[in-house]
Amino acid sequence: LANELRCQRCMRKFLFPAAHPPGQ
């Protein structure tokens, strides 16, 4: 985990969803 994550399919980077953090 980091502020910027890389998609394992399209290989594009995207920001960690801090505005809607993961739930259980």
PDB file of all heavy atoms in Angstrom:
ATOM      1  N   LEU A   1       0.829  -1.203   0.000  1.00  0.00           N
ATOM      2  CA  LEU A   1       0.000   0.000   0.000  1.00  0.00           C
ATOM      3  C   LEU A   1       0.864   1.254   0.000  1.00  0.00           C
ATOM      4  O   LEU A   1       1.887   1.342   0.685  1.00  0.00           O
ATOM      5  CB  LEU A   1      -0.935   0.000   1.214  1.00  0.00           C
ATOM      6  CG  LEU A   1      -1.972  -1.125   1.258  1.00  0.00           C
ATOM      7  CD1 LEU A   1      -2.809  -1.028   2.524  1.00  0.00           C
ATOM      8  CD2 LEU A   1      -2.860  -1.096   0.022  1.00  0.00           C
ATOM      9  N   ALA A   2       0.419   2.238  -0.774  1.00  0.00           N
ATOM     10  CA  ALA A   2       1.115   3.525  -0.881  1.00  0.00           C
ATOM     11  C   ALA A   2       0.097   4.572  -1.317  1.00  0.00           C
ATOM     12  O   ALA A   2      -1.062   4.257  -1.603  1.00  0.00           O
ATOM     13  CB  ALA A   2       2.274   3.431  -1.875  1.00  0.00           C
ATOM     14  N   ASN A   3       0.533   5.822  -1.365  1.00  0.00           N
ATOM     15  CA  ASN A   3      -0.376   6.880  -1.822  1.00  0.00           C
ATOM     16  C   ASN A   3      -0.779   6.675  -3.269  1.00  0.00           C
ATOM     17  O   ASN A   3      -1.854   7.103  -3.692  1.00  0.00           O
ATOM     18  CB  ASN A   3       0.286   8.248  -1.660  1.00  0.00           C
ATOM     19  CG  ASN A   3       0.404   8.652  -0.202  1.00  0.00           C
ATOM     20  OD1 ASN A   3      -0.419   8.240   0.616  1.00  0.00           O
ATOM     21  ND2 ASN A   3       1.442   9.407   0.128  1.00  0.00           N
ATOM     22  N   GLU A   4       0.104   6.010  -4.052  1.00  0.00           N
ATOM     23  CA  GLU A   4      -0.182   5.748  -5.454  1.00  0.00           C
ATOM     24  C   GLU A   4      -0.073   4.252  -5.712  1.00  0.00           C
ATOM     25  O   GLU A   4       0.930   3.627  -5.362  1.00  0.00           O
ATOM     26  CB  GLU A   4       0.795   6.524  -6.339  1.00  0.00           C
ATOM     27  CG  GLU A   4       0.397   6.574  -7.799  1.00  0.00           C
ATOM     28  CD  GLU A   4       1.305   7.474  -8.617  1.00  0.00           C
ATOM     29  OE1 GLU A   4       2.526   7.208  -8.640  1.00  0.00           O
ATOM     30  OE2 GLU A   4       0.800   8.435  -9.229  1.00  0.00           O
ATOM     31  N   LEU A   5      -1.109   3.648  -6.319  1.00  0.00           N
ATOM     32  CA  LEU A   5      -1.153   2.213  -6.581  1.00  0.00           C
ATOM     33  C   LEU A   5      -1.133   1.954  -8.082  1.00  0.00           C
ATOM     34  O   LEU A   5      -1.579   2.785  -8.866  1.00  0.00           O
ATOM     35  CB  LEU A   5      -2.416   1.609  -5.973  1.00  0.00           C
ATOM     36  CG  LEU A   5      -2.631   1.839  -4.474  1.00  0.00           C
ATOM     37  CD1 LEU A   5      -3.993   1.321  -4.048  1.00  0.00           C
ATOM     38  CD2 LEU A   5      -1.525   1.181  -3.664  1.00  0.00           C
ATOM     39  N   ARG A   6      -0.615   0.776  -8.462  1.00  0.00           N
ATOM     40  CA  ARG A   6      -0.593   0.401  -9.880  1.00  0.00           C
ATOM     41  C   ARG A   6      -1.607  -0.716 -10.112  1.00  0.00           C
ATOM     42  O   ARG A   6      -1.636  -1.703  -9.381  1.00  0.00           O
ATOM     43  CB  ARG A   6       0.789  -0.063 -10.307  1.00  0.00           C
ATOM     44  CG  ARG A   6       0.895  -0.417 -11.806  1.00  0.00           C
ATOM     45  CD  ARG A   6       2.275  -0.929 -12.165  1.00  0.00           C
ATOM     46  NE  ARG A   6       3.285   0.095 -12.021  1.00  0.00           N
ATOM     47  CZ  ARG A   6       3.575   1.007 -12.952  1.00  0.00           C
ATOM     48  NH1 ARG A   6       2.880   1.010 -14.102  1.00  0.00           N
ATOM     49  NH2 ARG A   6       4.529   1.884 -12.757  1.00  0.00           N
ATOM     50  N   CYS A   7      -2.438  -0.541 -11.158  1.00  0.00           N
ATOM     51  CA  CYS A   7      -3.422  -1.562 -11.505  1.00  0.00           C
ATOM     52  C   CYS A   7      -2.715  -2.783 -12.063  1.00  0.00           C
ATOM     53  O   CYS A   7      -1.834  -2.675 -12.923  1.00  0.00           O
ATOM     54  CB  CYS A   7      -4.422  -1.005 -12.521  1.00  0.00           C
ATOM     55  SG  CYS A   7      -5.634  -2.239 -13.092  1.00  0.00           S
ATOM     56  N   GLN A   8      -3.107  -3.955 -11.586  1.00  0.00           N
ATOM     57  CA  GLN A   8      -2.462  -5.196 -12.024  1.00  0.00           C
ATOM     58  C   GLN A   8      -2.943  -5.653 -13.389  1.00  0.00           C
ATOM     59  O   GLN A   8      -2.379  -6.577 -13.968  1.00  0.00           O
ATOM     60  CB  GLN A   8      -2.721  -6.283 -10.965  1.00  0.00           C
ATOM     61  CG  GLN A   8      -2.111  -5.953  -9.614  1.00  0.00           C
ATOM     62  CD  GLN A   8      -2.782  -6.654  -8.458  1.00  0.00           C
ATOM     63  OE1 GLN A   8      -3.788  -7.346  -8.644  1.00  0.00           O
ATOM     64  NE2 GLN A   8      -2.271  -6.447  -7.251  1.00  0.00           N
ATOM     65  N   ARG A   9      -3.994  -5.008 -13.927  1.00  0.00           N
ATOM     66  CA  ARG A   9      -4.493  -5.380 -15.249  1.00  0.00           C
ATOM     67  C   ARG A   9      -4.031  -4.387 -16.322  1.00  0.00           C
ATOM     68  O   ARG A   9      -3.340  -4.761 -17.258  1.00  0.00           O
ATOM     69  CB  ARG A   9      -6.017  -5.469 -15.254  1.00  0.00           C
ATOM     70  CG  ARG A   9      -6.595  -5.744 -16.661  1.00  0.00           C
ATOM     71  CD  ARG A   9      -8.098  -5.884 -16.641  1.00  0.00           C
ATOM     72  NE  ARG A   9      -8.504  -7.130 -15.997  1.00  0.00           N
ATOM     73  CZ  ARG A   9      -9.765  -7.456 -15.764  1.00  0.00           C
ATOM     74  NH1 ARG A   9     -10.745  -6.615 -16.087  1.00  0.00           N
ATOM     75  NH2 ARG A   9     -10.056  -8.616 -15.192  1.00  0.00           N
ATOM     76  N   CYS A  10      -4.414  -3.098 -16.180  1.00  0.00           N
ATOM     77  CA  CYS A  10      -4.059  -2.116 -17.221  1.00  0.00           C
ATOM     78  C   CYS A  10      -2.724  -1.445 -16.966  1.00  0.00           C
ATOM     79  O   CYS A  10      -2.225  -0.685 -17.807  1.00  0.00           O
ATOM     80  CB  CYS A  10      -5.160  -1.069 -17.363  1.00  0.00           C
ATOM     81  SG  CYS A  10      -5.294   0.055 -15.949  1.00  0.00           S
ATOM     82  N   MET A  11      -2.142  -1.690 -15.802  1.00  0.00           N
ATOM     83  CA  MET A  11      -0.825  -1.186 -15.411  1.00  0.00           C
ATOM     84  C   MET A  11      -0.788   0.329 -15.226  1.00  0.00           C
ATOM     85  O   MET A  11       0.277   0.910 -15.066  1.00  0.00           O
ATOM     86  CB  MET A  11       0.251  -1.615 -16.433  1.00  0.00           C
ATOM     87  CG  MET A  11       0.360  -3.114 -16.621  1.00  0.00           C
ATOM     88  SD  MET A  11       0.702  -3.988 -15.060  1.00  0.00           S
ATOM     89  CE  MET A  11       2.348  -3.419 -14.704  1.00  0.00           C
ATOM     90  N   ARG A  12      -1.944   0.986 -15.232  1.00  0.00           N
ATOM     91  CA  ARG A  12      -1.976   2.419 -14.963  1.00  0.00           C
ATOM     92  C   ARG A  12      -1.933   2.665 -13.456  1.00  0.00           C
ATOM     93  O   ARG A  12      -2.387   1.829 -12.668  1.00  0.00           O
ATOM     94  CB  ARG A  12      -3.238   3.057 -15.553  1.00  0.00           C
ATOM     95  CG  ARG A  12      -3.294   3.006 -17.078  1.00  0.00           C
ATOM     96  CD  ARG A  12      -4.589   3.639 -17.575  1.00  0.00           C
ATOM     97  NE  ARG A  12      -4.706   3.535 -19.030  1.00  0.00           N
ATOM     98  CZ  ARG A  12      -4.203   4.424 -19.889  1.00  0.00           C
ATOM     99  NH1 ARG A  12      -3.567   5.495 -19.426  1.00  0.00           N
ATOM    100  NH2 ARG A  12      -4.338   4.258 -21.185  1.00  0.00           N
ATOM    101  N   LYS A  13      -1.435   3.799 -13.069  1.00  0.00           N
ATOM    102  CA  LYS A  13      -1.372   4.174 -11.666  1.00  0.00           C
ATOM    103  C   LYS A  13      -2.614   4.971 -11.289  1.00  0.00           C
ATOM    104  O   LYS A  13      -3.173   5.706 -12.097  1.00  0.00           O
ATOM    105  CB  LYS A  13      -0.112   4.984 -11.377  1.00  0.00           C
ATOM    106  CG  LYS A  13       1.177   4.177 -11.489  1.00  0.00           C
ATOM    107  CD  LYS A  13       2.386   5.011 -11.089  1.00  0.00           C
ATOM    108  CE  LYS A  13       3.660   4.170 -11.132  1.00  0.00           C
ATOM    109  NZ  LYS A  13       4.853   4.967 -10.720  1.00  0.00           N
ATOM    110  N   PHE A  14      -3.029   4.828 -10.020  1.00  0.00           N
ATOM    111  CA  PHE A  14      -4.147   5.612  -9.506  1.00  0.00           C
ATOM    112  C   PHE A  14      -3.923   5.876  -8.021  1.00  0.00           C
ATOM    113  O   PHE A  14      -3.172   5.156  -7.356  1.00  0.00           O
ATOM    114  CB  PHE A  14      -5.482   4.899  -9.742  1.00  0.00           C
ATOM    115  CG  PHE A  14      -5.616   3.574  -9.060  1.00  0.00           C
ATOM    116  CD1 PHE A  14      -6.229   3.468  -7.813  1.00  0.00           C
ATOM    117  CD2 PHE A  14      -5.137   2.406  -9.656  1.00  0.00           C
ATOM    118  CE1 PHE A  14      -6.367   2.250  -7.175  1.00  0.00           C
ATOM    119  CE2 PHE A  14      -5.269   1.174  -9.021  1.00  0.00           C
ATOM    120  CZ  PHE A  14      -5.885   1.094  -7.773  1.00  0.00           C
ATOM    121  N   LEU A  15      -4.565   6.903  -7.532  1.00  0.00           N
ATOM    122  CA  LEU A  15      -4.382   7.313  -6.148  1.00  0.00           C
ATOM    123  C   LEU A  15      -5.128   6.370  -5.209  1.00  0.00           C
ATOM    124  O   LEU A  15      -6.189   5.836  -5.538  1.00  0.00           O
ATOM    125  CB  LEU A  15      -4.880   8.750  -5.938  1.00  0.00           C
ATOM    126  CG  LEU A  15      -4.084   9.839  -6.651  1.00  0.00           C
ATOM    127  CD1 LEU A  15      -4.749  11.196  -6.431  1.00  0.00           C
ATOM    128  CD2 LEU A  15      -2.636   9.872  -6.169  1.00  0.00           C
ATOM    129  N   PHE A  16      -4.545   6.154  -4.035  1.00  0.00           N
ATOM    130  CA  PHE A  16      -5.213   5.375  -2.999  1.00  0.00           C
ATOM    131  C   PHE A  16      -6.566   6.032  -2.704  1.00  0.00           C
ATOM    132  O   PHE A  16      -6.636   7.272  -2.559  1.00  0.00           O
ATOM    133  CB  PHE A  16      -4.345   5.345  -1.744  1.00  0.00           C
ATOM    134  CG  PHE A  16      -4.920   4.510  -0.630  1.00  0.00           C
ATOM    135  CD1 PHE A  16      -4.614   3.173  -0.521  1.00  0.00           C
ATOM    136  CD2 PHE A  16      -5.773   5.080   0.320  1.00  0.00           C
ATOM    137  CE1 PHE A  16      -5.135   2.407   0.510  1.00  0.00           C
ATOM    138  CE2 PHE A  16      -6.305   4.320   1.350  1.00  0.00           C
ATOM    139  CZ  PHE A  16      -5.987   2.966   1.443  1.00  0.00           C
ATOM    140  N   PRO A  17      -7.643   5.235  -2.593  1.00  0.00           N
ATOM    141  CA  PRO A  17      -8.973   5.835  -2.408  1.00  0.00           C
ATOM    142  C   PRO A  17      -9.168   6.387  -0.987  1.00  0.00           C
ATOM    143  O   PRO A  17      -9.994   5.884  -0.205  1.00  0.00           O
ATOM    144  CB  PRO A  17      -9.912   4.660  -2.692  1.00  0.00           C
ATOM    145  CG  PRO A  17      -9.125   3.453  -2.332  1.00  0.00           C
ATOM    146  CD  PRO A  17      -7.716   3.770  -2.713  1.00  0.00           C
ATOM    147  N   ALA A  18      -8.422   7.419  -0.661  1.00  0.00           N
ATOM    148  CA  ALA A  18      -8.464   7.976   0.689  1.00  0.00           C
ATOM    149  C   ALA A  18      -9.800   8.631   0.996  1.00  0.00           C
ATOM    150  O   ALA A  18     -10.252   8.651   2.152  1.00  0.00           O
ATOM    151  CB  ALA A  18      -7.332   8.984   0.871  1.00  0.00           C
ATOM    152  N   ALA A  19     -10.455   9.185  -0.024  1.00  0.00           N
ATOM    153  CA  ALA A  19     -11.743   9.849   0.213  1.00  0.00           C
ATOM    154  C   ALA A  19     -12.830   8.835   0.576  1.00  0.00           C
ATOM    155  O   ALA A  19     -13.781   9.153   1.289  1.00  0.00           O
ATOM    156  CB  ALA A  19     -12.154  10.643  -1.024  1.00  0.00           C
ATOM    157  N   HIS A  20     -12.689   7.621   0.081  1.00  0.00           N
ATOM    158  CA  HIS A  20     -13.627   6.531   0.408  1.00  0.00           C
ATOM    159  C   HIS A  20     -12.799   5.310   0.823  1.00  0.00           C
ATOM    160  O   HIS A  20     -12.634   4.367   0.054  1.00  0.00           O
ATOM    161  CB  HIS A  20     -14.508   6.205  -0.793  1.00  0.00           C
ATOM    162  CG  HIS A  20     -15.332   7.364  -1.258  1.00  0.00           C
ATOM    163  ND1 HIS A  20     -16.480   7.768  -0.616  1.00  0.00           N
ATOM    164  CD2 HIS A  20     -15.147   8.224  -2.306  1.00  0.00           C
ATOM    165  CE1 HIS A  20     -16.988   8.805  -1.244  1.00  0.00           C
ATOM    166  NE2 HIS A  20     -16.203   9.109  -2.274  1.00  0.00           N
ATOM    167  N   PRO A  21     -12.235   5.337   2.008  1.00  0.00           N
ATOM    168  CA  PRO A  21     -11.336   4.251   2.437  1.00  0.00           C
ATOM    169  C   PRO A  21     -12.046   2.906   2.455  1.00  0.00           C
ATOM    170  O   PRO A  21     -13.260   2.841   2.650  1.00  0.00           O
ATOM    171  CB  PRO A  21     -10.907   4.676   3.844  1.00  0.00           C
ATOM    172  CG  PRO A  21     -11.956   5.632   4.294  1.00  0.00           C
ATOM    173  CD  PRO A  21     -12.461   6.330   3.069  1.00  0.00           C
ATOM    174  N   PRO A  22     -11.289   1.846   2.231  1.00  0.00           N
ATOM    175  CA  PRO A  22     -11.892   0.505   2.166  1.00  0.00           C
ATOM    176  C   PRO A  22     -12.602   0.143   3.465  1.00  0.00           C
ATOM    177  O   PRO A  22     -12.133   0.459   4.566  1.00  0.00           O
ATOM    178  CB  PRO A  22     -10.691  -0.411   1.922  1.00  0.00           C
ATOM    179  CG  PRO A  22      -9.641   0.481   1.362  1.00  0.00           C
ATOM    180  CD  PRO A  22      -9.839   1.818   1.984  1.00  0.00           C
ATOM    181  N   GLY A  23     -13.726  -0.537   3.320  1.00  0.00           N
ATOM    182  CA  GLY A  23     -14.450  -1.053   4.469  1.00  0.00           C
ATOM    183  C   GLY A  23     -14.105  -2.509   4.698  1.00  0.00           C
ATOM    184  O   GLY A  23     -13.238  -3.089   4.029  1.00  0.00           O
ATOM    185  N   GLN A  24     -14.818  -3.141   5.625  1.00  0.00           N
ATOM    186  CA  GLN A  24     -14.520  -4.523   5.993  1.00  0.00           C
ATOM    187  C   GLN A  24     -14.639  -5.471   4.807  1.00  0.00           C
ATOM    188  O   GLN A  24     -13.851  -6.403   4.671  1.00  0.00           O
ATOM    189  CB  GLN A  24     -15.458  -4.945   7.125  1.00  0.00           C
ATOM    190  CG  GLN A  24     -15.076  -6.253   7.785  1.00  0.00           C
ATOM    191  CD  GLN A  24     -16.000  -6.574   8.938  1.00  0.00           C
ATOM    192  OE1 GLN A  24     -17.078  -7.132   8.742  1.00  0.00           O
ATOM    193  NE2 GLN A  24     -15.592  -6.209  10.144  1.00  0.00           N
TER     194      GLN A  24
END
